[in-house]
Amino acid sequence: MSLNDAQAFAFSLAATLMVAIVIFRAGDGSLSVVPAAEFDHDAEIIAEIDPFAP
Protein backbone atom coordinates (compact mmCIF):
# COMPACT_ATOMS: atom_id res chain seq x y z
CA MET A 1 0.00 0.00 0.00
CA SER A 2 1.37 3.43 -0.87
CA LEU A 3 1.57 6.22 1.71
CA ASN A 4 -1.21 8.14 -0.05
CA ASP A 5 -3.47 5.07 -0.02
CA ALA A 6 -2.68 4.39 3.64
CA GLN A 7 -3.47 8.00 4.62
CA ALA A 8 -6.76 7.99 2.70
CA PHE A 9 -7.74 4.67 4.27
CA ALA A 10 -6.74 5.88 7.75
CA PHE A 11 -8.73 9.12 7.45
CA SER A 12 -11.76 7.17 6.23
CA LEU A 13 -11.52 4.66 9.10
CA ALA A 14 -11.00 7.38 11.70
CA ALA A 15 -14.05 9.29 10.50
CA THR A 16 -16.22 6.19 10.24
CA LEU A 17 -15.20 4.43 13.46
CA MET A 18 -14.41 7.63 15.42
CA VAL A 19 -11.25 6.08 16.87
CA ALA A 20 -7.56 6.97 16.59
CA ILE A 21 -5.85 5.15 13.71
CA VAL A 22 -2.15 4.32 13.38
CA ILE A 23 -0.30 4.06 10.07
CA PHE A 24 2.78 1.89 10.51
CA ARG A 25 5.56 0.28 8.50
CA ALA A 26 5.79 -3.47 8.97
CA GLY A 27 9.04 -5.43 9.07
CA ASP A 28 8.85 -6.20 5.35
CA GLY A 29 8.55 -2.47 4.49
CA SER A 30 4.85 -2.46 3.66
CA LEU A 31 2.48 0.12 5.15
CA SER A 32 -0.61 -0.85 7.10
CA VAL A 33 -3.41 0.80 9.07
CA VAL A 34 -4.90 -0.33 12.40
CA PRO A 35 -6.93 1.19 15.24
CA ALA A 36 -4.55 2.58 17.89
CA ALA A 37 -6.03 0.33 20.59
CA GLU A 38 -4.98 -2.74 18.59
CA PHE A 39 -1.44 -1.57 17.75
CA ASP A 40 1.18 -3.52 19.75
CA HIS A 41 4.12 -1.12 19.23
CA ASP A 42 6.41 -3.56 17.47
CA ALA A 43 6.69 -1.55 14.23
CA GLU A 44 7.67 1.93 13.06
CA ILE A 45 4.78 4.40 13.40
CA ILE A 46 4.46 6.65 10.36
CA ALA A 47 1.45 8.69 11.51
CA GLU A 48 -1.49 8.69 13.90
CA ILE A 49 -4.88 10.01 12.84
CA ASP A 50 -7.12 11.18 15.70
CA PRO A 51 -10.65 12.25 14.72
CA PHE A 52 -10.99 14.21 17.99
CA ALA A 53 -7.82 16.29 17.57
CA PRO A 54 -8.43 19.96 16.79
PDB file of N, CA and C in Angstrom:
ATOM      1  N   MET A   1       0.863  -1.162   0.000  1.00  0.00           N
ATOM      2  CA  MET A   1       0.000   0.000   0.000  1.00  0.00           C
ATOM      3  C   MET A   1       0.913   1.230   0.000  1.00  0.00           C
ATOM      4  N   SER A   2       0.588   2.194  -0.836  1.00  0.00           N
ATOM      5  CA  SER A   2       1.372   3.435  -0.871  1.00  0.00           C
ATOM      6  C   SER A   2       1.000   4.320   0.323  1.00  0.00           C
ATOM      7  N   LEU A   3       1.836   5.308   0.604  1.00  0.00           N
ATOM      8  CA  LEU A   3       1.566   6.217   1.712  1.00  0.00           C
ATOM      9  C   LEU A   3       0.269   6.989   1.473  1.00  0.00           C
ATOM     10  N   ASN A   4       0.033   7.421   0.256  1.00  0.00           N
ATOM     11  CA  ASN A   4      -1.212   8.143  -0.050  1.00  0.00           C
ATOM     12  C   ASN A   4      -2.438   7.264   0.184  1.00  0.00           C
ATOM     13  N   ASP A   5      -2.363   6.010  -0.236  1.00  0.00           N
ATOM     14  CA  ASP A   5      -3.472   5.074  -0.015  1.00  0.00           C
ATOM     15  C   ASP A   5      -3.685   4.822   1.474  1.00  0.00           C
ATOM     16  N   ALA A   6      -2.583   4.643   2.206  1.00  0.00           N
ATOM     17  CA  ALA A   6      -2.681   4.394   3.641  1.00  0.00           C
ATOM     18  C   ALA A   6      -3.300   5.583   4.364  1.00  0.00           C
ATOM     19  N   GLN A   7      -2.906   6.811   3.991  1.00  0.00           N
ATOM     20  CA  GLN A   7      -3.471   7.998   4.622  1.00  0.00           C
ATOM     21  C   GLN A   7      -4.954   8.139   4.311  1.00  0.00           C
ATOM     22  N   ALA A   8      -5.344   7.904   3.072  1.00  0.00           N
ATOM     23  CA  ALA A   8      -6.759   7.985   2.697  1.00  0.00           C
ATOM     24  C   ALA A   8      -7.577   6.949   3.457  1.00  0.00           C
ATOM     25  N   PHE A   9      -7.057   5.736   3.547  1.00  0.00           N
ATOM     26  CA  PHE A   9      -7.744   4.673   4.266  1.00  0.00           C
ATOM     27  C   PHE A   9      -7.844   4.998   5.751  1.00  0.00           C
ATOM     28  N   ALA A  10      -6.759   5.531   6.331  1.00  0.00           N
ATOM     29  CA  ALA A  10      -6.742   5.879   7.751  1.00  0.00           C
ATOM     30  C   ALA A  10      -7.736   6.991   8.063  1.00  0.00           C
ATOM     31  N   PHE A  11      -7.774   8.031   7.235  1.00  0.00           N
ATOM     32  CA  PHE A  11      -8.732   9.119   7.452  1.00  0.00           C
ATOM     33  C   PHE A  11     -10.168   8.612   7.356  1.00  0.00           C
ATOM     34  N   SER A  12     -10.426   7.735   6.394  1.00  0.00           N
ATOM     35  CA  SER A  12     -11.761   7.167   6.232  1.00  0.00           C
ATOM     36  C   SER A  12     -12.145   6.324   7.449  1.00  0.00           C
ATOM     37  N   LEU A  13     -11.246   5.474   7.914  1.00  0.00           N
ATOM     38  CA  LEU A  13     -11.524   4.660   9.095  1.00  0.00           C
ATOM     39  C   LEU A  13     -11.735   5.508  10.337  1.00  0.00           C
ATOM     40  N   ALA A  14     -10.882   6.517  10.530  1.00  0.00           N
ATOM     41  CA  ALA A  14     -11.000   7.380  11.704  1.00  0.00           C
ATOM     42  C   ALA A  14     -12.343   8.091  11.722  1.00  0.00           C
ATOM     43  N   ALA A  15     -12.776   8.586  10.572  1.00  0.00           N
ATOM     44  CA  ALA A  15     -14.052   9.293  10.501  1.00  0.00           C
ATOM     45  C   ALA A  15     -15.238   8.358  10.660  1.00  0.00           C
ATOM     46  N   THR A  16     -15.119   7.150  10.153  1.00  0.00           N
ATOM     47  CA  THR A  16     -16.215   6.187  10.236  1.00  0.00           C
ATOM     48  C   THR A  16     -16.333   5.569  11.628  1.00  0.00           C
ATOM     49  N   LEU A  17     -15.196   5.116  12.169  1.00  0.00           N
ATOM     50  CA  LEU A  17     -15.202   4.431  13.458  1.00  0.00           C
ATOM     51  C   LEU A  17     -15.083   5.381  14.643  1.00  0.00           C
ATOM     52  N   MET A  18     -14.647   6.622  14.378  1.00  0.00           N
ATOM     53  CA  MET A  18     -14.406   7.632  15.417  1.00  0.00           C
ATOM     54  C   MET A  18     -13.438   7.107  16.480  1.00  0.00           C
ATOM     55  N   VAL A  19     -12.335   6.532  16.007  1.00  0.00           N
ATOM     56  CA  VAL A  19     -11.248   6.077  16.872  1.00  0.00           C
ATOM     57  C   VAL A  19      -9.930   6.545  16.259  1.00  0.00           C
ATOM     58  N   ALA A  20      -8.886   6.628  17.084  1.00  0.00           N
ATOM     59  CA  ALA A  20      -7.556   6.970  16.585  1.00  0.00           C
ATOM     60  C   ALA A  20      -7.031   5.803  15.747  1.00  0.00           C
ATOM     61  N   ILE A  21      -6.385   6.140  14.635  1.00  0.00           N
ATOM     62  CA  ILE A  21      -5.853   5.150  13.706  1.00  0.00           C
ATOM     63  C   ILE A  21      -4.353   5.358  13.572  1.00  0.00           C
ATOM     64  N   VAL A  22      -3.597   4.271  13.532  1.00  0.00           N
ATOM     65  CA  VAL A  22      -2.150   4.318  13.382  1.00  0.00           C
ATOM     66  C   VAL A  22      -1.769   3.786  12.008  1.00  0.00           C
ATOM     67  N   ILE A  23      -0.914   4.540  11.316  1.00  0.00           N
ATOM     68  CA  ILE A  23      -0.303   4.064  10.072  1.00  0.00           C
ATOM     69  C   ILE A  23       1.105   3.619  10.451  1.00  0.00           C
ATOM     70  N   PHE A  24       1.469   2.392  10.122  1.00  0.00           N
ATOM     71  CA  PHE A  24       2.783   1.890  10.505  1.00  0.00           C
ATOM     72  C   PHE A  24       3.438   1.131   9.373  1.00  0.00           C
ATOM     73  N   ARG A  25       4.772   1.032   9.471  1.00  0.00           N
ATOM     74  CA  ARG A  25       5.558   0.280   8.496  1.00  0.00           C
ATOM     75  C   ARG A  25       5.922  -1.056   9.125  1.00  0.00           C
ATOM     76  N   ALA A  26       5.516  -2.118   8.476  1.00  0.00           N
ATOM     77  CA  ALA A  26       5.792  -3.469   8.971  1.00  0.00           C
ATOM     78  C   ALA A  26       7.249  -3.848   8.695  1.00  0.00           C
ATOM     79  N   GLY A  27       7.670  -4.969   9.226  1.00  0.00           N
ATOM     80  CA  GLY A  27       9.041  -5.432   9.069  1.00  0.00           C
ATOM     81  C   GLY A  27       9.465  -5.647   7.630  1.00  0.00           C
ATOM     82  N   ASP A  28       8.519  -5.972   6.765  1.00  0.00           N
ATOM     83  CA  ASP A  28       8.853  -6.197   5.354  1.00  0.00           C
ATOM     84  C   ASP A  28       8.807  -4.905   4.530  1.00  0.00           C
ATOM     85  N   GLY A  29       8.553  -3.761   5.178  1.00  0.00           N
ATOM     86  CA  GLY A  29       8.551  -2.474   4.494  1.00  0.00           C
ATOM     87  C   GLY A  29       7.199  -2.010   4.009  1.00  0.00           C
ATOM     88  N   SER A  30       6.185  -2.850   4.115  1.00  0.00           N
ATOM     89  CA  SER A  30       4.852  -2.460   3.663  1.00  0.00           C
ATOM     90  C   SER A  30       4.176  -1.570   4.710  1.00  0.00           C
ATOM     91  N   LEU A  31       3.239  -0.748   4.263  1.00  0.00           N
ATOM     92  CA  LEU A  31       2.478   0.120   5.153  1.00  0.00           C
ATOM     93  C   LEU A  31       1.143  -0.534   5.476  1.00  0.00           C
ATOM     94  N   SER A  32       0.669  -0.303   6.686  1.00  0.00           N
ATOM     95  CA  SER A  32      -0.612  -0.846   7.097  1.00  0.00           C
ATOM     96  C   SER A  32      -1.293   0.135   8.037  1.00  0.00           C
ATOM     97  N   VAL A  33      -2.579  -0.078   8.259  1.00  0.00           N
ATOM     98  CA  VAL A  33      -3.413   0.803   9.075  1.00  0.00           C
ATOM     99  C   VAL A  33      -4.173  -0.049  10.077  1.00  0.00           C
ATOM    100  N   VAL A  34      -4.211   0.426  11.347  1.00  0.00           N
ATOM    101  CA  VAL A  34      -4.896  -0.327  12.396  1.00  0.00           C
ATOM    102  C   VAL A  34      -5.399   0.657  13.453  1.00  0.00           C
ATOM    103  N   PRO A  35      -6.513   0.346  14.115  1.00  0.00           N
ATOM    104  CA  PRO A  35      -6.931   1.192  15.242  1.00  0.00           C
ATOM    105  C   PRO A  35      -5.833   1.235  16.306  1.00  0.00           C
ATOM    106  N   ALA A  36      -5.631   2.392  16.925  1.00  0.00           N
ATOM    107  CA  ALA A  36      -4.552   2.578  17.892  1.00  0.00           C
ATOM    108  C   ALA A  36      -4.656   1.602  19.063  1.00  0.00           C
ATOM    109  N   ALA A  37      -5.855   1.255  19.476  1.00  0.00           N
ATOM    110  CA  ALA A  37      -6.034   0.328  20.594  1.00  0.00           C
ATOM    111  C   ALA A  37      -5.526  -1.075  20.274  1.00  0.00           C
ATOM    112  N   GLU A  38      -5.432  -1.416  18.990  1.00  0.00           N
ATOM    113  CA  GLU A  38      -4.984  -2.742  18.586  1.00  0.00           C
ATOM    114  C   GLU A  38      -3.514  -2.774  18.181  1.00  0.00           C
ATOM    115  N   PHE A  39      -2.845  -1.633  18.147  1.00  0.00           N
ATOM    116  CA  PHE A  39      -1.436  -1.572  17.751  1.00  0.00           C
ATOM    117  C   PHE A  39      -0.567  -2.022  18.913  1.00  0.00           C
ATOM    118  N   ASP A  40       0.366  -2.956  18.660  1.00  0.00           N
ATOM    119  CA  ASP A  40       1.176  -3.518  19.747  1.00  0.00           C
ATOM    120  C   ASP A  40       2.594  -2.947  19.817  1.00  0.00           C
ATOM    121  N   HIS A  41       2.860  -1.875  19.128  1.00  0.00           N
ATOM    122  CA  HIS A  41       4.115  -1.116  19.234  1.00  0.00           C
ATOM    123  C   HIS A  41       5.354  -1.910  18.840  1.00  0.00           C
ATOM    124  N   ASP A  42       5.240  -2.822  17.911  1.00  0.00           N
ATOM    125  CA  ASP A  42       6.415  -3.555  17.473  1.00  0.00           C
ATOM    126  C   ASP A  42       6.836  -3.175  16.060  1.00  0.00           C
ATOM    127  N   ALA A  43       6.350  -2.022  15.568  1.00  0.00           N
ATOM    128  CA  ALA A  43       6.688  -1.551  14.228  1.00  0.00           C
ATOM    129  C   ALA A  43       6.864  -0.040  14.255  1.00  0.00           C
ATOM    130  N   GLU A  44       7.420   0.491  13.182  1.00  0.00           N
ATOM    131  CA  GLU A  44       7.668   1.929  13.061  1.00  0.00           C
ATOM    132  C   GLU A  44       6.362   2.667  12.756  1.00  0.00           C
ATOM    133  N   ILE A  45       5.995   3.599  13.628  1.00  0.00           N
ATOM    134  CA  ILE A  45       4.783   4.400  13.400  1.00  0.00           C
ATOM    135  C   ILE A  45       5.099   5.510  12.415  1.00  0.00           C
ATOM    136  N   ILE A  46       4.298   5.612  11.375  1.00  0.00           N
ATOM    137  CA  ILE A  46       4.458   6.648  10.358  1.00  0.00           C
ATOM    138  C   ILE A  46       3.598   7.857  10.720  1.00  0.00           C
ATOM    139  N   ALA A  47       2.358   7.614  11.136  1.00  0.00           N
ATOM    140  CA  ALA A  47       1.449   8.694  11.511  1.00  0.00           C
ATOM    141  C   ALA A  47       0.335   8.144  12.383  1.00  0.00           C
ATOM    142  N   GLU A  48      -0.309   9.037  13.119  1.00  0.00           N
ATOM    143  CA  GLU A  48      -1.486   8.686  13.901  1.00  0.00           C
ATOM    144  C   GLU A  48      -2.576   9.687  13.571  1.00  0.00           C
ATOM    145  N   ILE A  49      -3.740   9.184  13.211  1.00  0.00           N
ATOM    146  CA  ILE A  49      -4.876  10.012  12.840  1.00  0.00           C
ATOM    147  C   ILE A  49      -5.890   9.952  13.982  1.00  0.00           C
ATOM    148  N   ASP A  50      -6.169  11.098  14.593  1.00  0.00           N
ATOM    149  CA  ASP A  50      -7.117  11.175  15.705  1.00  0.00           C
ATOM    150  C   ASP A  50      -8.300  12.049  15.286  1.00  0.00           C
ATOM    151  N   PRO A  51      -9.490  11.465  15.183  1.00  0.00           N
ATOM    152  CA  PRO A  51     -10.653  12.251  14.722  1.00  0.00           C
ATOM    153  C   PRO A  51     -11.086  13.317  15.729  1.00  0.00           C
ATOM    154  N   PHE A  52     -10.591  13.240  16.967  1.00  0.00           N
ATOM    155  CA  PHE A  52     -10.988  14.210  17.990  1.00  0.00           C
ATOM    156  C   PHE A  52      -9.971  15.334  18.160  1.00  0.00           C
ATOM    157  N   ALA A  53      -8.843  15.238  17.459  1.00  0.00           N
ATOM    158  CA  ALA A  53      -7.818  16.294  17.569  1.00  0.00           C
ATOM    159  C   ALA A  53      -8.307  17.564  16.862  1.00  0.00           C
ATOM    160  N   PRO A  54      -7.987  18.717  17.430  1.00  0.00           N
ATOM    161  CA  PRO A  54      -8.434  19.961  16.790  1.00  0.00           C
ATOM    162  C   PRO A  54      -7.719  20.260  15.491  1.00  0.00           C
TER     163      PRO A  54
END
